[in-house]
Amino acid sequence: MNIKIEILGSNGRLSKYLKLNLRSQIFIKNQAKKKTKFSKKIIIATYSPTAREDCEENLNNEISYYKKLIKNFKKNEHLIYISSQTVELTNFTNYSQAKKAVETLLSNNKINYTVIRPGMIYDSKNNEFFLDNMQKASLSFLSFYKDLPKTTICFTKDLLNLIYFISQNNEVLKRKVINIGIKRYRFYELQNLSKKLNFRLKILPFDLLILISSLNPQLKAYTHGKACLNSPDLAWDSFKL
């Protein structure tokens, strides 16, 4: 089967990473041949304005974008939608609400798709998280005291491997949701992955964080959020500390 890969978007960090690194994969090397006839087209969608600014306007823009995309989908196309495991952790943010809305749109429409829910994306080549706030926190010698293991890690090379696997098995994985990253980690463990320090001062008890989170929507999402959607039945293992 000849498969064509198309990555939507060009501004986001994840879409740029995928475009740069998927070029080296064997399954798209023939795309440069203009006369090649493709029996299947894999479309990878990462568009997420709520990741850049968590506001209601971006929530509506995100939903509208995917409604239009779904409406124009063709029978020989298969969508790989990059969602997030945040839908299993919180319902407080526009980001999580957007991911939930798009997953629901897909399940309610008769198109070929597979949803990938990555954990926190980490690039070992550059030794950094894709999330800027987490990368900045990794440089700090401050951390939480007695926090809970909540977040999984998605290693970038495993994300590429999963996309390749889906492209080769798209009929089997049609209309499936797959987590990537299984084990959940504490905050200081995430910090040490990017910047290992011999000592971190754990000054903020998690119970106190819960108390003060009412003053900050992002903290409230972390400490009080409830799942928007259930965890899926399928998972692809990723990096372990």
C-alpha atoms as a PDB file:
ATOM      1  CA  MET A   1       0.000   0.000   0.000  1.00  0.00           C
ATOM      2  CA  ASN A   2       1.318   3.444  -0.970  1.00  0.00           C
ATOM      3  CA  ILE A   3       0.703   5.884   1.874  1.00  0.00           C
ATOM      4  CA  LYS A   4       0.965   9.631   1.754  1.00  0.00           C
ATOM      5  CA  ILE A   5       1.545  11.555   4.978  1.00  0.00           C
ATOM      6  CA  GLU A   6       0.349  15.123   5.454  1.00  0.00           C
ATOM      7  CA  ILE A   7       0.990  17.123   8.623  1.00  0.00           C
ATOM      8  CA  LEU A   8      -1.422  19.991   9.112  1.00  0.00           C
ATOM      9  CA  GLY A   9      -0.144  23.251  10.522  1.00  0.00           C
ATOM     10  CA  SER A  10       3.316  24.763  10.523  1.00  0.00           C
ATOM     11  CA  ASN A  11       3.486  27.181  13.467  1.00  0.00           C
ATOM     12  CA  GLY A  12       3.233  24.869  16.456  1.00  0.00           C
ATOM     13  CA  ARG A  13       6.290  23.269  18.001  1.00  0.00           C
ATOM     14  CA  LEU A  14       4.863  19.755  17.688  1.00  0.00           C
ATOM     15  CA  SER A  15       3.909  20.122  14.012  1.00  0.00           C
ATOM     16  CA  LYS A  16       7.387  21.513  13.232  1.00  0.00           C
ATOM     17  CA  TYR A  17       9.001  18.618  15.064  1.00  0.00           C
ATOM     18  CA  LEU A  18       6.915  16.029  13.211  1.00  0.00           C
ATOM     19  CA  LYS A  19       7.601  17.610   9.822  1.00  0.00           C
ATOM     20  CA  LEU A  20      11.321  17.637  10.484  1.00  0.00           C
ATOM     21  CA  ASN A  21      11.581  14.110  11.850  1.00  0.00           C
ATOM     22  CA  LEU A  22       9.004  12.194   9.843  1.00  0.00           C
ATOM     23  CA  ARG A  23      10.905  13.066   6.659  1.00  0.00           C
ATOM     24  CA  SER A  24      13.514  10.518   7.699  1.00  0.00           C
ATOM     25  CA  GLN A  25      10.960   7.730   8.004  1.00  0.00           C
ATOM     26  CA  ILE A  26      10.870   5.136   5.234  1.00  0.00           C
ATOM     27  CA  PHE A  27       7.102   5.271   4.839  1.00  0.00           C
ATOM     28  CA  ILE A  28       7.102   8.804   3.378  1.00  0.00           C
ATOM     29  CA  LYS A  29      10.321   8.715   1.332  1.00  0.00           C
ATOM     30  CA  ASN A  30       8.433   8.255  -1.940  1.00  0.00           C
ATOM     31  CA  GLN A  31       6.294  11.354  -1.511  1.00  0.00           C
ATOM     32  CA  ALA A  32       8.792  13.407  -3.507  1.00  0.00           C
ATOM     33  CA  LYS A  33       7.815  11.461  -6.620  1.00  0.00           C
ATOM     34  CA  LYS A  34       5.064  13.534  -8.187  1.00  0.00           C
ATOM     35  CA  LYS A  35       3.611  10.668 -10.255  1.00  0.00           C
ATOM     36  CA  THR A  36       3.214   8.287  -7.316  1.00  0.00           C
ATOM     37  CA  LYS A  37      -0.370   7.136  -6.804  1.00  0.00           C
ATOM     38  CA  PHE A  38      -1.375   6.818  -3.161  1.00  0.00           C
ATOM     39  CA  SER A  39      -4.080   4.410  -2.016  1.00  0.00           C
ATOM     40  CA  LYS A  40      -4.220   5.927   1.472  1.00  0.00           C
ATOM     41  CA  LYS A  41      -3.573   9.397   2.862  1.00  0.00           C
ATOM     42  CA  ILE A  42      -2.678   9.824   6.529  1.00  0.00           C
ATOM     43  CA  ILE A  43      -3.402  13.288   7.885  1.00  0.00           C
ATOM     44  CA  ILE A  44      -1.811  14.274  11.201  1.00  0.00           C
ATOM     45  CA  ALA A  45      -3.574  17.107  13.032  1.00  0.00           C
ATOM     46  CA  THR A  46      -1.912  18.958  15.912  1.00  0.00           C
ATOM     47  CA  TYR A  47      -3.751  22.311  15.686  1.00  0.00           C
ATOM     48  CA  SER A  48      -4.378  23.602  19.224  1.00  0.00           C
ATOM     49  CA  PRO A  49      -4.594  27.385  19.789  1.00  0.00           C
ATOM     50  CA  THR A  50      -5.711  26.745  23.394  1.00  0.00           C
ATOM     51  CA  ALA A  51      -2.209  25.369  24.044  1.00  0.00           C
ATOM     52  CA  ARG A  52      -0.784  28.814  23.262  1.00  0.00           C
ATOM     53  CA  GLU A  53      -3.451  30.809  25.120  1.00  0.00           C
ATOM     54  CA  ASP A  54      -6.092  29.143  27.256  1.00  0.00           C
ATOM     55  CA  CYS A  55      -9.125  31.288  26.474  1.00  0.00           C
ATOM     56  CA  GLU A  56     -12.726  30.786  25.289  1.00  0.00           C
ATOM     57  CA  GLU A  57     -12.072  32.433  21.922  1.00  0.00           C
ATOM     58  CA  ASN A  58      -9.353  29.898  21.106  1.00  0.00           C
ATOM     59  CA  LEU A  59     -11.611  27.106  22.337  1.00  0.00           C
ATOM     60  CA  ASN A  60     -14.261  28.109  19.794  1.00  0.00           C
ATOM     61  CA  ASN A  61     -11.648  28.531  17.040  1.00  0.00           C
ATOM     62  CA  GLU A  62     -10.263  25.075  17.727  1.00  0.00           C
ATOM     63  CA  ILE A  63     -13.662  23.402  17.564  1.00  0.00           C
ATOM     64  CA  SER A  64     -14.595  25.286  14.369  1.00  0.00           C
ATOM     65  CA  TYR A  65     -11.316  24.241  12.720  1.00  0.00           C
ATOM     66  CA  TYR A  66     -11.958  20.545  13.314  1.00  0.00           C
ATOM     67  CA  LYS A  67     -15.619  20.763  12.298  1.00  0.00           C
ATOM     68  CA  LYS A  68     -14.483  22.102   8.923  1.00  0.00           C
ATOM     69  CA  LEU A  69     -11.725  19.485   8.650  1.00  0.00           C
ATOM     70  CA  ILE A  70     -14.144  16.633   9.355  1.00  0.00           C
ATOM     71  CA  LYS A  71     -16.714  17.999   6.902  1.00  0.00           C
ATOM     72  CA  ASN A  72     -14.186  17.914   4.030  1.00  0.00           C
ATOM     73  CA  PHE A  73     -12.726  14.488   4.823  1.00  0.00           C
ATOM     74  CA  LYS A  74     -12.495  11.878   2.042  1.00  0.00           C
ATOM     75  CA  LYS A  75     -12.952   8.092   2.150  1.00  0.00           C
ATOM     76  CA  ASN A  76      -9.301   7.265   1.430  1.00  0.00           C
ATOM     77  CA  GLU A  77      -8.074   9.575   4.219  1.00  0.00           C
ATOM     78  CA  HIS A  78      -7.241   8.617   7.784  1.00  0.00           C
ATOM     79  CA  LEU A  79      -6.880  11.271  10.481  1.00  0.00           C
ATOM     80  CA  ILE A  80      -4.384  10.913  13.317  1.00  0.00           C
ATOM     81  CA  TYR A  81      -5.528  13.468  15.873  1.00  0.00           C
ATOM     82  CA  ILE A  82      -3.022  14.445  18.579  1.00  0.00           C
ATOM     83  CA  SER A  83      -5.120  14.961  21.696  1.00  0.00           C
ATOM     84  CA  SER A  84      -3.788  14.955  25.280  1.00  0.00           C
ATOM     85  CA  GLN A  85      -4.063  12.951  28.485  1.00  0.00           C
ATOM     86  CA  THR A  86      -5.196  16.163  30.132  1.00  0.00           C
ATOM     87  CA  VAL A  87      -8.757  15.032  29.316  1.00  0.00           C
ATOM     88  CA  GLU A  88      -8.238  12.261  31.877  1.00  0.00           C
ATOM     89  CA  LEU A  89      -7.012  14.697  34.542  1.00  0.00           C
ATOM     90  CA  THR A  90      -9.016  17.909  34.465  1.00  0.00           C
ATOM     91  CA  ASN A  91     -12.106  19.641  33.125  1.00  0.00           C
ATOM     92  CA  PHE A  92     -11.107  23.128  34.319  1.00  0.00           C
ATOM     93  CA  THR A  93      -9.185  24.428  31.300  1.00  0.00           C
ATOM     94  CA  ASN A  94     -10.273  25.484  27.821  1.00  0.00           C
ATOM     95  CA  TYR A  95      -7.426  23.286  26.558  1.00  0.00           C
ATOM     96  CA  SER A  96      -8.935  20.137  28.079  1.00  0.00           C
ATOM     97  CA  GLN A  97     -12.438  21.158  26.978  1.00  0.00           C
ATOM     98  CA  ALA A  98     -11.193  21.627  23.401  1.00  0.00           C
ATOM     99  CA  LYS A  99      -9.565  18.189  23.328  1.00  0.00           C
ATOM    100  CA  LYS A 100     -12.740  16.617  24.673  1.00  0.00           C
ATOM    101  CA  ALA A 101     -14.912  18.451  22.113  1.00  0.00           C
ATOM    102  CA  VAL A 102     -12.758  17.349  19.159  1.00  0.00           C
ATOM    103  CA  GLU A 103     -12.635  13.720  20.319  1.00  0.00           C
ATOM    104  CA  THR A 104     -16.427  13.796  20.654  1.00  0.00           C
ATOM    105  CA  LEU A 105     -16.781  15.310  17.163  1.00  0.00           C
ATOM    106  CA  LEU A 106     -14.678  12.500  15.720  1.00  0.00           C
ATOM    107  CA  SER A 107     -16.619   9.753  17.464  1.00  0.00           C
ATOM    108  CA  ASN A 108     -19.912  11.235  16.246  1.00  0.00           C
ATOM    109  CA  ASN A 109     -18.824  11.355  12.589  1.00  0.00           C
ATOM    110  CA  LYS A 110     -18.256   8.456  10.204  1.00  0.00           C
ATOM    111  CA  ILE A 111     -14.656   9.163   9.212  1.00  0.00           C
ATOM    112  CA  ASN A 112     -11.505   7.104   9.601  1.00  0.00           C
ATOM    113  CA  TYR A 113      -9.431   8.344  12.514  1.00  0.00           C
ATOM    114  CA  THR A 114      -7.152   7.357  15.371  1.00  0.00           C
ATOM    115  CA  VAL A 115      -6.690   9.520  18.453  1.00  0.00           C
ATOM    116  CA  ILE A 116      -3.310   9.697  20.180  1.00  0.00           C
ATOM    117  CA  ARG A 117      -3.310  11.005  23.747  1.00  0.00           C
ATOM    118  CA  PRO A 118       0.308  11.799  24.670  1.00  0.00           C
ATOM    119  CA  GLY A 119       1.531  12.553  28.151  1.00  0.00           C
ATOM    120  CA  MET A 120       3.905  15.458  28.698  1.00  0.00           C
ATOM    121  CA  ILE A 121       6.071  15.493  25.557  1.00  0.00           C
ATOM    122  CA  TYR A 122       9.812  15.281  26.152  1.00  0.00           C
ATOM    123  CA  ASP A 123      12.588  15.565  23.558  1.00  0.00           C
ATOM    124  CA  SER A 124      15.662  13.682  24.781  1.00  0.00           C
ATOM    125  CA  LYS A 125      17.801  14.911  21.885  1.00  0.00           C
ATOM    126  CA  ASN A 126      17.543  18.491  23.144  1.00  0.00           C
ATOM    127  CA  ASN A 127      16.936  17.420  26.749  1.00  0.00           C
ATOM    128  CA  GLU A 128      13.785  19.490  27.178  1.00  0.00           C
ATOM    129  CA  PHE A 129      10.025  19.409  27.549  1.00  0.00           C
ATOM    130  CA  PHE A 130       7.822  20.843  24.809  1.00  0.00           C
ATOM    131  CA  LEU A 131       5.879  22.667  27.530  1.00  0.00           C
ATOM    132  CA  ASP A 132       7.850  25.832  28.324  1.00  0.00           C
ATOM    133  CA  ASN A 133       6.530  26.154  31.889  1.00  0.00           C
ATOM    134  CA  MET A 134       7.673  22.627  32.722  1.00  0.00           C
ATOM    135  CA  GLN A 135      11.105  23.272  31.218  1.00  0.00           C
ATOM    136  CA  LYS A 136      11.492  26.443  33.302  1.00  0.00           C
ATOM    137  CA  ALA A 137      10.405  24.564  36.424  1.00  0.00           C
ATOM    138  CA  SER A 138      13.098  21.974  35.723  1.00  0.00           C
ATOM    139  CA  LEU A 139      15.775  24.627  36.194  1.00  0.00           C
ATOM    140  CA  SER A 140      14.495  25.589  39.637  1.00  0.00           C
ATOM    141  CA  PHE A 141      15.876  24.083  42.861  1.00  0.00           C
ATOM    142  CA  LEU A 142      12.368  24.420  44.355  1.00  0.00           C
ATOM    143  CA  SER A 143       9.772  21.667  44.192  1.00  0.00           C
ATOM    144  CA  PHE A 144       6.626  20.325  45.876  1.00  0.00           C
ATOM    145  CA  TYR A 145       6.470  18.308  49.046  1.00  0.00           C
ATOM    146  CA  LYS A 146       4.321  15.142  49.112  1.00  0.00           C
ATOM    147  CA  ASP A 147       2.739  15.795  45.716  1.00  0.00           C
ATOM    148  CA  LEU A 148       0.840  13.106  43.859  1.00  0.00           C
ATOM    149  CA  PRO A 149       1.986  11.218  40.729  1.00  0.00           C
ATOM    150  CA  LYS A 150      -0.358  12.667  38.097  1.00  0.00           C
ATOM    151  CA  THR A 151       1.396  13.144  34.756  1.00  0.00           C
ATOM    152  CA  THR A 152       2.845  10.653  32.276  1.00  0.00           C
ATOM    153  CA  ILE A 153       5.777  11.293  29.930  1.00  0.00           C
ATOM    154  CA  CYS A 154       5.656  10.914  26.164  1.00  0.00           C
ATOM    155  CA  PHE A 155       9.102  10.382  24.671  1.00  0.00           C
ATOM    156  CA  THR A 156       9.295  11.979  21.191  1.00  0.00           C
ATOM    157  CA  LYS A 157      10.840   8.958  19.463  1.00  0.00           C
ATOM    158  CA  ASP A 158       8.004   6.796  20.802  1.00  0.00           C
ATOM    159  CA  LEU A 159       5.478   9.253  19.377  1.00  0.00           C
ATOM    160  CA  LEU A 160       7.122   8.883  15.953  1.00  0.00           C
ATOM    161  CA  ASN A 161       7.094   5.095  16.293  1.00  0.00           C
ATOM    162  CA  LEU A 162       3.413   5.086  17.206  1.00  0.00           C
ATOM    163  CA  ILE A 163       2.500   7.285  14.220  1.00  0.00           C
ATOM    164  CA  TYR A 164       4.415   4.886  11.975  1.00  0.00           C
ATOM    165  CA  PHE A 165       2.624   1.897  13.534  1.00  0.00           C
ATOM    166  CA  ILE A 166      -0.793   3.503  13.007  1.00  0.00           C
ATOM    167  CA  SER A 167       0.024   4.345   9.386  1.00  0.00           C
ATOM    168  CA  GLN A 168       0.830   0.688   8.738  1.00  0.00           C
ATOM    169  CA  ASN A 169      -2.171  -0.656  10.684  1.00  0.00           C
ATOM    170  CA  ASN A 170      -4.774   2.060  10.128  1.00  0.00           C
ATOM    171  CA  GLU A 171      -7.636  -0.345   9.428  1.00  0.00           C
ATOM    172  CA  VAL A 172      -7.057  -2.244  12.671  1.00  0.00           C
ATOM    173  CA  LEU A 173      -6.717   0.979  14.685  1.00  0.00           C
ATOM    174  CA  LYS A 174      -9.563   2.797  12.972  1.00  0.00           C
ATOM    175  CA  ARG A 175     -11.715   4.812  15.423  1.00  0.00           C
ATOM    176  CA  LYS A 176      -9.456   3.879  18.363  1.00  0.00           C
ATOM    177  CA  VAL A 177      -7.972   6.038  21.132  1.00  0.00           C
ATOM    178  CA  ILE A 178      -4.407   5.273  22.249  1.00  0.00           C
ATOM    179  CA  ASN A 179      -2.563   6.643  25.272  1.00  0.00           C
ATOM    180  CA  ILE A 180       1.186   7.081  24.911  1.00  0.00           C
ATOM    181  CA  GLY A 181       2.952   7.095  28.256  1.00  0.00           C
ATOM    182  CA  ILE A 182       1.547   4.872  30.991  1.00  0.00           C
ATOM    183  CA  LYS A 183       3.322   5.412  34.303  1.00  0.00           C
ATOM    184  CA  ARG A 184       2.506   8.648  36.150  1.00  0.00           C
ATOM    185  CA  TYR A 185       5.219  10.707  37.829  1.00  0.00           C
ATOM    186  CA  ARG A 186       5.542  13.221  40.638  1.00  0.00           C
ATOM    187  CA  PHE A 187       6.477  16.798  39.812  1.00  0.00           C
ATOM    188  CA  TYR A 188      10.052  16.571  41.132  1.00  0.00           C
ATOM    189  CA  GLU A 189      10.603  13.430  39.030  1.00  0.00           C
ATOM    190  CA  LEU A 190       9.647  15.409  35.931  1.00  0.00           C
ATOM    191  CA  GLN A 191      12.032  18.176  36.956  1.00  0.00           C
ATOM    192  CA  ASN A 192      14.907  15.721  37.349  1.00  0.00           C
ATOM    193  CA  LEU A 193      14.334  14.242  33.922  1.00  0.00           C
ATOM    194  CA  SER A 194      15.310  17.474  32.168  1.00  0.00           C
ATOM    195  CA  LYS A 195      17.695  18.911  34.778  1.00  0.00           C
ATOM    196  CA  LYS A 196      18.985  16.459  37.351  1.00  0.00           C
ATOM    197  CA  LEU A 197      19.988  18.228  40.556  1.00  0.00           C
ATOM    198  CA  ASN A 198      21.507  16.612  43.605  1.00  0.00           C
ATOM    199  CA  PHE A 199      19.260  18.693  45.817  1.00  0.00           C
ATOM    200  CA  ARG A 200      15.860  20.331  45.447  1.00  0.00           C
ATOM    201  CA  LEU A 201      14.212  22.248  48.256  1.00  0.00           C
ATOM    202  CA  LYS A 202      10.686  20.882  48.656  1.00  0.00           C
ATOM    203  CA  ILE A 203       9.082  23.897  50.258  1.00  0.00           C
ATOM    204  CA  LEU A 204       5.446  23.631  49.264  1.00  0.00           C
ATOM    205  CA  PRO A 205       3.315  20.835  50.756  1.00  0.00           C
ATOM    206  CA  PHE A 206       0.748  19.549  48.277  1.00  0.00           C
ATOM    207  CA  ASP A 207      -2.032  20.137  50.814  1.00  0.00           C
ATOM    208  CA  LEU A 208      -1.095  23.824  50.891  1.00  0.00           C
ATOM    209  CA  LEU A 209      -1.044  23.876  47.085  1.00  0.00           C
ATOM    210  CA  ILE A 210      -4.635  22.630  47.119  1.00  0.00           C
ATOM    211  CA  LEU A 211      -5.563  25.436  49.536  1.00  0.00           C
ATOM    212  CA  ILE A 212      -4.069  28.261  47.468  1.00  0.00           C
ATOM    213  CA  SER A 213      -5.108  26.841  44.078  1.00  0.00           C
ATOM    214  CA  SER A 214      -8.430  28.705  44.260  1.00  0.00           C
ATOM    215  CA  LEU A 215      -6.420  31.829  43.334  1.00  0.00           C
ATOM    216  CA  ASN A 216      -4.974  30.322  40.151  1.00  0.00           C
ATOM    217  CA  PRO A 217      -7.024  28.519  37.443  1.00  0.00           C
ATOM    218  CA  GLN A 218      -4.081  26.397  36.265  1.00  0.00           C
ATOM    219  CA  LEU A 219      -3.275  25.250  39.802  1.00  0.00           C
ATOM    220  CA  LYS A 220      -6.947  24.533  40.368  1.00  0.00           C
ATOM    221  CA  ALA A 221      -7.006  22.400  37.233  1.00  0.00           C
ATOM    222  CA  TYR A 222      -4.008  20.460  38.562  1.00  0.00           C
ATOM    223  CA  THR A 223      -5.306  19.925  42.109  1.00  0.00           C
ATOM    224  CA  HIS A 224      -9.111  19.799  41.725  1.00  0.00           C
ATOM    225  CA  GLY A 225      -9.788  18.832  38.126  1.00  0.00           C
ATOM    226  CA  LYS A 226     -11.927  15.841  37.254  1.00  0.00           C
ATOM    227  CA  ALA A 227     -11.597  13.768  34.108  1.00  0.00           C
ATOM    228  CA  CYS A 228     -13.445  14.929  30.989  1.00  0.00           C
ATOM    229  CA  LEU A 229     -13.142  11.485  29.395  1.00  0.00           C
ATOM    230  CA  ASN A 230     -12.211   8.004  30.539  1.00  0.00           C
ATOM    231  CA  SER A 231      -8.839   6.418  29.868  1.00  0.00           C
ATOM    232  CA  PRO A 232      -8.864   4.315  26.675  1.00  0.00           C
ATOM    233  CA  ASP A 233      -8.373   0.561  26.455  1.00  0.00           C
ATOM    234  CA  LEU A 234      -5.221   0.887  24.322  1.00  0.00           C
ATOM    235  CA  ALA A 235      -1.835   2.293  25.367  1.00  0.00           C
ATOM    236  CA  TRP A 236       1.642   2.586  23.855  1.00  0.00           C
ATOM    237  CA  ASP A 237       4.429   2.528  26.411  1.00  0.00           C
ATOM    238  CA  SER A 238       6.993   5.317  26.469  1.00  0.00           C
ATOM    239  CA  PHE A 239      10.033   6.523  28.350  1.00  0.00           C
ATOM    240  CA  LYS A 240      10.610   5.437  31.951  1.00  0.00           C
ATOM    241  CA  LEU A 241      12.721   7.297  34.490  1.00  0.00           C
END
